Amino acid sequence: MVTENDGLLHVRGVDDGVLYVVDGIPIMDRVDALTGTAPDLNAIRSLNVMTGGIPAEFGGRSGAVVQIEGKTGLESAWMGSVTAGAGSFGAAEISSTIGGSITNKLGIFAAETFSRSHRFLDPLDPGNFNNRGGAGKLNGRLDFKPSARDLLILHVSGLGVDFHVPNTALQETAGQRQREEFRANEESISWNRLGPE
């Protein structure tokens, strides 16, 4: 596995060949700093990565399949967390989670992460000119279990990325200031039913 192009992951030599499956829903979008942010680590309960012998059900991605099961508040005591961090190049991040059972059949979980950096993308020049950016992610999950055999999951998420396009030395001298913004949202609803015993 190698990364290039501002964090795009290449697995087994396949360009953009990773499929993310979140709570059974495939995410076909490219995941990197330019076009979309990765799933929020604070909202992941379990993760399984397949890089070989990928079943046909996952379609045309031949690099890897990343199956992600999100955290749930169902049948759980109320919990929460807040974390923050900072580093070089003006990097900073803050994230929080909250979740728990509203009733014995209904649970909710939410997570958010906001980050910024003065080295957001791979710089074109060692001077790291005009290279600032930030991202924000919000995730929410509602679980409803009307019976012992049925589970209904509603998942919503949104993200935003704002960044300046890094300059070469010539562009910096000319005072060039390009910037881009990206917004995305995803919603899914799934129903799982266990067969008869």
Protein backbone atom coordinates (compact mmCIF):
# COMPACT_ATOMS: atom_id res chain seq x y z
CA MET A 1 0.00 0.00 0.00
CA VAL A 2 1.26 3.47 -0.87
CA THR A 3 -0.22 6.94 -0.78
CA GLU A 4 0.21 9.72 -3.32
CA ASN A 5 -1.76 12.63 -4.77
CA ASP A 6 -2.63 14.23 -1.43
CA GLY A 7 -3.40 11.02 0.42
CA LEU A 8 -5.03 8.85 -2.26
CA LEU A 9 -4.42 5.23 -1.23
CA HIS A 10 -3.14 2.70 -3.76
CA VAL A 11 -3.48 -0.96 -2.78
CA ARG A 12 -1.80 -3.75 -4.75
CA GLY A 13 -0.92 -1.27 -7.52
CA VAL A 14 -4.55 -0.36 -8.21
CA ASP A 15 -5.30 3.34 -8.75
CA ASP A 16 -8.30 4.39 -6.63
CA GLY A 17 -9.32 0.75 -6.15
CA VAL A 18 -10.58 0.82 -2.55
CA LEU A 19 -14.27 0.32 -1.82
CA TYR A 20 -15.58 1.43 1.58
CA VAL A 21 -18.70 -0.36 2.85
CA VAL A 22 -20.23 1.42 5.86
CA ASP A 23 -22.93 -0.54 7.72
CA GLY A 24 -23.53 -2.57 4.55
CA ILE A 25 -23.82 0.49 2.26
CA PRO A 26 -21.05 0.83 -0.39
CA ILE A 27 -19.43 4.27 -0.69
CA MET A 28 -18.33 4.60 -4.32
CA ASP A 29 -16.77 8.07 -3.98
CA ARG A 30 -13.04 8.62 -4.05
CA VAL A 31 -11.64 9.21 -0.56
CA ASP A 32 -8.73 11.67 -0.26
CA ALA A 33 -8.10 15.20 0.98
CA LEU A 34 -9.24 16.80 -2.30
CA THR A 35 -12.55 15.11 -3.02
CA GLY A 36 -13.76 13.64 0.23
CA THR A 37 -12.63 12.79 3.71
CA ALA A 38 -12.22 9.32 5.13
CA PRO A 39 -14.80 7.84 7.50
CA ASP A 40 -14.64 9.34 10.99
CA LEU A 41 -12.48 7.09 13.19
CA ASN A 42 -14.52 8.10 16.25
CA ALA A 43 -17.64 6.54 14.69
CA ILE A 44 -16.11 3.12 13.91
CA ARG A 45 -16.84 0.08 16.09
CA SER A 46 -15.12 -2.52 13.88
CA LEU A 47 -13.17 -2.55 10.62
CA ASN A 48 -12.27 -5.40 8.26
CA VAL A 49 -9.89 -4.94 5.30
CA MET A 50 -9.82 -7.45 2.43
CA THR A 51 -6.98 -7.15 -0.08
CA GLY A 52 -7.20 -10.52 -1.78
CA GLY A 53 -9.89 -13.01 -2.78
CA ILE A 54 -12.48 -10.22 -2.87
CA PRO A 55 -16.00 -11.66 -3.31
CA ALA A 56 -17.92 -10.71 -6.46
CA GLU A 57 -20.62 -8.98 -4.38
CA PHE A 58 -18.30 -6.00 -3.96
CA GLY A 59 -18.20 -5.17 -7.68
CA GLY A 60 -15.36 -3.71 -9.69
CA ARG A 61 -12.90 -2.61 -7.01
CA SER A 62 -9.88 -4.88 -7.13
CA GLY A 63 -7.52 -3.13 -4.70
CA ALA A 64 -9.27 -3.60 -1.36
CA VAL A 65 -12.62 -3.63 0.38
CA VAL A 66 -12.88 -1.90 3.76
CA GLN A 67 -15.94 -3.05 5.69
CA ILE A 68 -16.83 -0.65 8.50
CA GLU A 69 -19.39 -1.20 11.23
CA GLY A 70 -20.36 2.03 12.93
CA LYS A 71 -20.77 2.59 16.64
CA THR A 72 -24.29 2.42 17.97
CA GLY A 73 -26.01 3.69 21.09
CA LEU A 74 -28.54 0.83 21.11
CA GLU A 75 -28.56 -1.20 24.32
CA SER A 76 -25.77 0.98 25.72
CA ALA A 77 -25.39 3.34 28.65
CA TRP A 78 -24.95 7.01 27.70
CA MET A 79 -21.35 7.81 26.82
CA GLY A 80 -19.35 10.65 25.35
CA SER A 81 -15.85 11.85 24.61
CA VAL A 82 -13.96 14.98 23.59
CA THR A 83 -10.42 14.93 22.18
CA ALA A 84 -8.15 17.65 20.84
CA GLY A 85 -4.68 17.76 19.37
CA ALA A 86 -2.21 20.10 17.74
CA GLY A 87 1.07 19.82 15.86
CA SER A 88 3.50 21.48 13.50
CA PHE A 89 2.40 23.47 10.41
CA GLY A 90 -0.51 24.91 12.39
CA ALA A 91 -2.26 21.53 12.53
CA ALA A 92 -5.13 21.22 14.99
CA GLU A 93 -8.07 18.89 15.47
CA ILE A 94 -11.00 18.56 17.83
CA SER A 95 -13.54 15.76 17.90
CA SER A 96 -16.38 14.60 20.09
CA THR A 97 -18.86 11.73 20.37
CA ILE A 98 -22.08 11.12 22.24
CA GLY A 99 -24.49 8.21 22.26
CA GLY A 100 -26.68 5.88 24.22
CA SER A 101 -30.08 4.21 24.47
CA ILE A 102 -33.17 6.39 24.52
CA THR A 103 -35.30 3.29 25.23
CA ASN A 104 -34.48 -0.42 25.15
CA LYS A 105 -35.51 -0.40 21.47
CA LEU A 106 -34.04 2.93 20.33
CA GLY A 107 -30.45 4.16 20.38
CA ILE A 108 -28.55 7.12 18.95
CA PHE A 109 -24.88 7.88 18.29
CA ALA A 110 -23.27 11.05 16.91
CA ALA A 111 -19.66 12.03 16.16
CA GLU A 112 -18.01 15.18 14.82
CA THR A 113 -14.45 16.08 13.86
CA PHE A 114 -13.01 19.43 12.77
CA SER A 115 -9.40 19.86 11.64
CA ARG A 116 -7.14 22.45 9.99
CA SER A 117 -3.55 22.63 8.77
CA HIS A 118 -1.05 24.93 7.09
CA ARG A 119 0.20 21.93 5.12
CA PHE A 120 -3.15 20.56 4.01
CA LEU A 121 -2.04 19.15 0.63
CA ASP A 122 1.24 17.87 -0.77
CA PRO A 123 3.17 21.09 -1.52
CA LEU A 124 4.39 21.86 -5.04
CA ASP A 125 7.37 23.79 -3.68
CA PRO A 126 9.52 23.23 -0.57
CA GLY A 127 8.35 26.69 0.54
CA ASN A 128 4.84 25.27 1.13
CA PHE A 129 3.20 28.40 -0.32
CA ASN A 130 -0.55 29.11 0.12
CA ASN A 131 -1.14 25.64 1.58
CA ARG A 132 -3.89 26.01 4.17
CA GLY A 133 -7.08 24.07 4.62
CA GLY A 134 -9.55 22.46 6.93
CA ALA A 135 -12.24 19.81 7.06
CA GLY A 136 -15.29 19.04 9.12
CA LYS A 137 -17.23 15.77 9.46
CA LEU A 138 -20.54 15.03 11.17
CA ASN A 139 -21.98 11.52 11.56
CA GLY A 140 -25.23 10.38 13.09
CA ARG A 141 -26.78 6.94 13.51
CA LEU A 142 -30.21 5.97 14.82
CA ASP A 143 -30.94 2.32 15.60
CA PHE A 144 -34.48 1.00 16.13
CA LYS A 145 -35.09 -2.60 17.20
CA PRO A 146 -38.85 -3.23 17.08
CA SER A 147 -38.43 -6.98 17.73
CA ALA A 148 -35.72 -9.49 18.56
CA ARG A 149 -35.39 -10.33 14.84
CA ASP A 150 -35.56 -6.85 13.27
CA LEU A 151 -33.14 -3.92 13.26
CA LEU A 152 -33.68 -0.64 11.40
CA ILE A 153 -30.63 1.65 10.96
CA LEU A 154 -30.75 5.26 9.79
CA HIS A 155 -27.34 6.77 9.03
CA VAL A 156 -26.67 10.40 8.05
CA SER A 157 -23.36 12.16 7.50
CA GLY A 158 -22.07 15.41 6.12
CA LEU A 159 -18.66 16.80 5.37
CA GLY A 160 -17.05 19.98 4.18
CA VAL A 161 -13.53 20.69 2.98
CA ASP A 162 -12.13 24.20 2.36
CA PHE A 163 -8.56 24.62 1.20
CA HIS A 164 -6.17 26.89 -0.66
CA VAL A 165 -4.46 25.44 -3.72
CA PRO A 166 -0.68 25.28 -3.10
CA ASN A 167 1.47 27.62 -5.22
CA THR A 168 4.73 27.22 -7.04
CA ALA A 169 7.34 29.89 -6.30
CA LEU A 170 6.33 31.75 -9.51
CA GLN A 171 2.63 31.69 -8.59
CA GLU A 172 3.45 32.90 -5.08
CA THR A 173 5.51 35.80 -6.46
CA ALA A 174 2.58 36.75 -8.71
CA GLY A 175 0.25 36.78 -5.70
CA GLN A 176 -1.97 33.95 -6.94
CA ARG A 177 -4.55 32.76 -4.39
CA GLN A 178 -6.77 29.90 -5.56
CA ARG A 179 -9.10 28.10 -3.21
CA GLU A 180 -11.62 25.29 -3.42
CA GLU A 181 -14.60 24.15 -1.39
CA PHE A 182 -16.20 20.72 -1.31
CA ARG A 183 -19.45 19.66 0.36
CA ALA A 184 -21.05 16.23 0.53
CA ASN A 185 -23.76 14.44 2.45
CA GLU A 186 -24.91 10.85 2.65
CA GLU A 187 -28.07 9.28 3.99
CA SER A 188 -28.97 5.61 4.17
CA ILE A 189 -31.59 3.44 5.76
CA SER A 190 -31.31 -0.31 6.14
CA TRP A 191 -33.44 -3.06 7.60
CA ASN A 192 -31.88 -6.29 8.88
CA ARG A 193 -34.10 -9.28 9.66
CA LEU A 194 -32.85 -12.51 11.19
CA GLY A 195 -34.31 -15.70 9.77
CA PRO A 196 -36.25 -18.21 11.83
CA GLU A 197 -34.25 -20.22 14.34
